[in-house]
Structure formats: C-alpha cells, structure tokens
Amino acid sequence: MKNKQYPDLFFFCFVFSPQDVSRFTRRILLGIFRIAPPVAGFRLTT
C-alpha cells in the first residue's frame, strides 16, 4: 500500500510546491551520491 501512496504524494507535492520537491530530490541525490561509492566499491570487490 505504501508503494501506491508515494507517487500520489510526490505528484501532490510537485503540483503544490515545486520548490519543496526540488529540495527533496536534492536530498535524495545527495544521499545517493553518499551511499553509491561504498556500494560500488563493495560490488567491485565481491
């Protein structure tokens, strides 16, 4: 059920406050860039 709620919530936020969504996406991208290097290194070593 959560998976169905997230797109609607994201669309709702995008329609009513694009700036907040841009902040949210920036946080997600920063989190991905922080997490990606260790994960990539771990996959390369295994």
N, C-alpha and C. Protein backbone atom coordinates (compact mmCIF):
# COMPACT_ATOMS: atom_id res chain seq x y z
N MET A 1 0.83 -1.20 0.00
CA MET A 1 0.00 0.00 0.00
C MET A 1 0.88 1.26 0.00
N LYS A 2 2.02 1.18 0.66
CA LYS A 2 2.89 2.35 0.71
C LYS A 2 3.39 2.72 -0.68
N ASN A 3 3.67 1.70 -1.50
CA ASN A 3 4.19 1.97 -2.83
C ASN A 3 3.19 2.77 -3.67
N LYS A 4 1.91 2.53 -3.45
CA LYS A 4 0.89 3.26 -4.21
C LYS A 4 0.76 4.70 -3.69
N GLN A 5 1.03 4.91 -2.41
CA GLN A 5 0.85 6.24 -1.83
C GLN A 5 1.97 7.19 -2.25
N TYR A 6 3.20 6.67 -2.41
CA TYR A 6 4.34 7.54 -2.68
C TYR A 6 4.20 8.35 -3.98
N PRO A 7 3.82 7.73 -5.11
CA PRO A 7 3.68 8.52 -6.35
C PRO A 7 2.63 9.62 -6.22
N ASP A 8 1.51 9.32 -5.57
CA ASP A 8 0.46 10.32 -5.40
C ASP A 8 0.96 11.46 -4.54
N LEU A 9 1.66 11.12 -3.45
CA LEU A 9 2.20 12.14 -2.55
C LEU A 9 3.22 12.99 -3.29
N PHE A 10 4.08 12.34 -4.09
CA PHE A 10 5.10 13.07 -4.85
C PHE A 10 4.43 14.00 -5.86
N PHE A 11 3.41 13.52 -6.54
CA PHE A 11 2.70 14.33 -7.53
C PHE A 11 2.01 15.50 -6.84
N PHE A 12 1.41 15.24 -5.69
CA PHE A 12 0.74 16.28 -4.90
C PHE A 12 1.74 17.38 -4.54
N CYS A 13 2.91 16.96 -4.04
CA CYS A 13 3.94 17.94 -3.66
C CYS A 13 4.43 18.70 -4.88
N PHE A 14 4.58 18.00 -6.00
CA PHE A 14 5.10 18.63 -7.21
C PHE A 14 4.13 19.69 -7.72
N VAL A 15 2.85 19.41 -7.62
CA VAL A 15 1.84 20.35 -8.12
C VAL A 15 1.76 21.58 -7.22
N PHE A 16 1.77 21.36 -5.91
CA PHE A 16 1.52 22.46 -4.99
C PHE A 16 2.78 23.21 -4.57
N SER A 17 3.93 22.54 -4.58
CA SER A 17 5.16 23.23 -4.16
C SER A 17 6.38 22.64 -4.86
N PRO A 18 6.66 23.08 -6.08
CA PRO A 18 7.81 22.55 -6.83
C PRO A 18 9.13 22.79 -6.11
N GLN A 19 9.24 23.91 -5.39
CA GLN A 19 10.49 24.22 -4.69
C GLN A 19 10.78 23.17 -3.62
N ASP A 20 9.76 22.78 -2.87
CA ASP A 20 9.95 21.76 -1.83
C ASP A 20 10.37 20.44 -2.46
N VAL A 21 9.79 20.11 -3.61
CA VAL A 21 10.14 18.86 -4.27
C VAL A 21 11.58 18.91 -4.77
N SER A 22 12.00 20.07 -5.27
CA SER A 22 13.39 20.20 -5.73
C SER A 22 14.34 20.00 -4.56
N ARG A 23 13.98 20.54 -3.39
CA ARG A 23 14.80 20.31 -2.19
C ARG A 23 14.83 18.83 -1.86
N PHE A 24 13.67 18.19 -1.94
CA PHE A 24 13.56 16.76 -1.60
C PHE A 24 14.41 15.93 -2.55
N THR A 25 14.33 16.24 -3.85
CA THR A 25 15.11 15.48 -4.83
C THR A 25 16.60 15.74 -4.63
N ARG A 26 16.96 16.97 -4.25
CA ARG A 26 18.37 17.26 -3.98
C ARG A 26 18.87 16.42 -2.82
N ARG A 27 18.05 16.30 -1.77
CA ARG A 27 18.44 15.47 -0.62
C ARG A 27 18.61 14.03 -1.04
N ILE A 28 17.70 13.54 -1.89
CA ILE A 28 17.78 12.14 -2.35
C ILE A 28 19.06 11.95 -3.17
N LEU A 29 19.34 12.91 -4.08
CA LEU A 29 20.54 12.79 -4.91
C LEU A 29 21.80 12.83 -4.06
N LEU A 30 21.83 13.73 -3.07
CA LEU A 30 22.99 13.79 -2.18
C LEU A 30 23.14 12.49 -1.42
N GLY A 31 22.03 11.93 -0.96
CA GLY A 31 22.08 10.65 -0.25
C GLY A 31 22.59 9.55 -1.16
N ILE A 32 22.15 9.55 -2.43
CA ILE A 32 22.60 8.52 -3.38
C ILE A 32 24.10 8.67 -3.62
N PHE A 33 24.56 9.91 -3.79
CA PHE A 33 25.99 10.13 -4.05
C PHE A 33 26.82 9.73 -2.84
N ARG A 34 26.26 9.89 -1.63
CA ARG A 34 26.99 9.48 -0.43
C ARG A 34 27.04 7.96 -0.32
N ILE A 35 25.92 7.31 -0.68
CA ILE A 35 25.83 5.86 -0.50
C ILE A 35 26.47 5.10 -1.67
N ALA A 36 26.39 5.67 -2.87
CA ALA A 36 26.82 4.95 -4.08
C ALA A 36 28.28 4.51 -4.07
N PRO A 37 29.25 5.38 -3.74
CA PRO A 37 30.66 4.96 -3.80
C PRO A 37 30.98 3.72 -2.97
N PRO A 38 30.58 3.64 -1.68
CA PRO A 38 30.86 2.43 -0.91
C PRO A 38 30.19 1.20 -1.51
N VAL A 39 28.95 1.36 -1.99
CA VAL A 39 28.23 0.22 -2.58
C VAL A 39 28.94 -0.23 -3.85
N ALA A 40 29.36 0.72 -4.68
CA ALA A 40 30.06 0.38 -5.91
C ALA A 40 31.37 -0.32 -5.59
N GLY A 41 32.10 0.19 -4.59
CA GLY A 41 33.36 -0.43 -4.18
C GLY A 41 33.12 -1.84 -3.66
N PHE A 42 32.05 -2.00 -2.89
CA PHE A 42 31.72 -3.32 -2.34
C PHE A 42 31.41 -4.31 -3.46
N ARG A 43 30.69 -3.84 -4.46
CA ARG A 43 30.33 -4.73 -5.58
C ARG A 43 31.56 -5.07 -6.41
N LEU A 44 32.47 -4.11 -6.56
CA LEU A 44 33.68 -4.37 -7.34
C LEU A 44 34.56 -5.39 -6.64
N THR A 45 34.63 -5.31 -5.30
CA THR A 45 35.50 -6.23 -4.55
C THR A 45 34.92 -7.63 -4.55
N THR A 46 33.60 -7.76 -4.54
CA THR A 46 32.99 -9.10 -4.47
C THR A 46 32.95 -9.73 -5.85
